[in-house]
Protein backbone atom coordinates (compact mmCIF):
# COMPACT_ATOMS: atom_id res chain seq x y z
CA UNK A 1 52.50 -2.60 101.49
CA UNK A 2 52.73 -2.23 97.62
CA UNK A 3 56.04 -2.50 95.38
CA UNK A 4 59.17 -0.31 96.68
CA UNK A 5 59.19 2.03 93.32
CA UNK A 6 62.01 0.62 90.58
CA UNK A 7 63.97 3.82 91.22
CA UNK A 8 64.25 3.42 95.51
CA UNK A 9 64.90 -0.08 94.99
CA UNK A 10 67.75 0.52 92.83
CA UNK A 11 69.09 2.88 94.88
CA UNK A 12 68.80 0.73 97.96
CA UNK A 13 70.85 -1.48 96.39
CA UNK A 14 73.67 1.13 95.20
CA UNK A 15 74.16 1.62 98.72
CA UNK A 16 74.27 -2.18 99.96
CA UNK A 17 76.83 -2.46 97.38
CA UNK A 18 78.77 0.41 99.28
CA UNK A 19 78.38 -1.12 102.88
CA UNK A 20 78.95 -4.71 101.97
CA UNK A 21 81.68 -6.85 102.73
CA UNK A 22 82.96 -9.24 99.51
CA UNK A 23 81.38 -12.24 100.69
CA UNK A 24 77.89 -10.36 101.36
CA UNK A 25 74.56 -10.91 100.04
CA UNK A 26 71.67 -8.77 98.96
CA UNK A 27 68.13 -9.81 99.71
CA UNK A 28 65.35 -8.06 98.01
CA UNK A 29 62.20 -8.31 101.02
CA UNK A 30 58.94 -7.77 100.21
CA UNK A 31 55.93 -8.50 102.63
CA UNK A 32 52.64 -8.46 101.12
CA UNK A 33 49.82 -7.73 104.20
CA UNK A 34 48.00 -10.11 105.06
CA UNK A 35 44.13 -10.16 103.91
CA UNK A 36 41.54 -9.98 106.40
CA UNK A 37 39.21 -12.89 106.15
CA UNK A 38 36.22 -12.34 104.59
CA UNK A 39 38.67 -10.60 101.89
CA UNK A 40 40.37 -13.84 101.26
CA UNK A 41 36.76 -16.07 100.91
CA UNK A 42 36.10 -15.05 98.02
CA UNK A 43 40.01 -14.83 96.39
CA UNK A 44 41.07 -17.80 94.03
CA UNK A 45 43.03 -20.91 96.52
CA UNK A 46 45.88 -20.17 95.19
CA UNK A 47 45.75 -15.95 96.01
CA UNK A 48 49.00 -16.17 97.93
CA UNK A 49 50.73 -17.86 95.45
CA UNK A 50 50.09 -15.85 92.58
CA UNK A 51 50.81 -12.61 94.13
CA UNK A 52 54.23 -13.95 95.29
CA UNK A 53 54.91 -15.05 91.93
CA UNK A 54 54.03 -12.08 89.81
CA UNK A 55 55.99 -9.58 92.68
CA UNK A 56 59.24 -12.23 92.19
CA UNK A 57 58.27 -11.21 88.28
CA UNK A 58 58.97 -7.95 88.67
CA UNK A 59 61.33 -7.33 91.43
CA UNK A 60 63.95 -10.42 88.87
CA UNK A 61 65.30 -7.43 86.34
CA UNK A 62 66.06 -5.09 89.53
CA UNK A 63 68.20 -7.88 90.92
CA UNK A 64 69.81 -9.10 87.12
CA UNK A 65 73.14 -7.82 87.51
CA UNK A 66 73.76 -8.53 91.03
CA UNK A 67 75.35 -12.39 91.44
CA UNK A 68 74.94 -12.87 95.21
CA UNK A 69 71.33 -11.48 94.99
CA UNK A 70 67.98 -13.44 96.14
CA UNK A 71 64.16 -11.98 96.33
CA UNK A 72 61.83 -13.59 99.72
CA UNK A 73 58.55 -12.94 99.43
CA UNK A 74 56.58 -12.96 102.87
CA UNK A 75 53.11 -12.74 104.14
CA UNK A 76 52.85 -10.79 107.23
CA UNK A 77 52.13 -7.03 109.02
CA UNK A 78 54.69 -4.97 107.05
CA UNK A 79 56.50 -3.99 110.30
CA UNK A 80 56.70 -6.59 111.60
CA UNK A 81 58.11 -9.16 108.86
CA UNK A 82 61.08 -6.79 108.33
CA UNK A 83 62.01 -6.98 111.55
CA UNK A 84 61.60 -10.46 112.10
CA UNK A 85 63.37 -11.74 108.66
CA UNK A 86 66.86 -10.13 109.34
CA UNK A 87 66.45 -11.87 113.06
CA UNK A 88 65.59 -15.59 111.08
CA UNK A 89 68.50 -15.19 109.09
CA UNK A 90 71.09 -13.97 110.58
CA UNK A 91 71.37 -10.48 108.70
CA UNK A 92 73.54 -7.41 109.58
CA UNK A 93 71.80 -4.29 108.10
CA UNK A 94 68.96 -3.70 106.70
CA UNK A 95 68.79 -1.10 104.05
CA UNK A 96 64.67 0.49 103.72
CA UNK A 97 63.34 3.33 101.62
CA UNK A 98 61.49 5.98 102.75
CA UNK A 99 59.14 7.39 101.44
CA UNK A 100 57.01 10.90 101.25
CA UNK A 101 55.41 10.67 105.55
CA UNK A 102 52.17 11.53 106.94
CA UNK A 103 51.72 14.09 109.25
CA UNK A 104 52.53 11.10 112.58
CA UNK A 105 56.19 10.00 111.19
CA UNK A 106 57.71 13.78 109.73
CA UNK A 107 60.87 12.24 109.54
CA UNK A 108 60.71 9.31 108.18
CA UNK A 109 57.58 6.89 106.50
CA UNK A 110 55.54 4.94 108.97
CA UNK A 111 57.10 1.30 108.16
CA UNK A 112 60.71 2.94 107.97
CA UNK A 113 60.34 4.39 111.30
CA UNK A 114 59.11 0.93 113.08
CA UNK A 115 62.13 -0.44 111.94
CA UNK A 116 64.65 2.15 112.61
CA UNK A 117 63.59 1.89 116.63
CA UNK A 118 62.44 -2.05 116.83
CA UNK A 119 65.63 -3.46 114.87
CA UNK A 120 68.17 -5.06 116.21
CA UNK A 121 71.02 -4.69 113.90
CA UNK A 122 71.78 -1.77 111.63
CA UNK A 123 69.56 0.01 109.62
CA UNK A 124 70.11 2.49 106.74
CA UNK A 125 67.75 4.99 105.35
CA UNK A 126 67.38 5.85 101.50
CA UNK A 127 65.40 8.82 100.95
């Protein structure tokens, strides 16, 4: 999954601030897709840690003005990772950006559509 465009992240953070209770926290989640074994064999041993650090550094400026925010970068399938994370951390709302869809998912992007259909908590889609 590629990094969300800055505009979409800022818009998602604004929606979260409007929806959150005063004691609410913000976790900016990024899911790094698994690489096929033949590909990861060609990369340095610490490639995942390097990628996570680079993603975190890119996202830090976007949450710099939010006191109760944190960044977490996990590895896995984008849709499944987004769905599993709130369950493991007791979240009550997912705010997700939806990109321009293909014909198969005309109203939402495929990851956002999967999250909306399968989430156990509320989902707010930012377009």
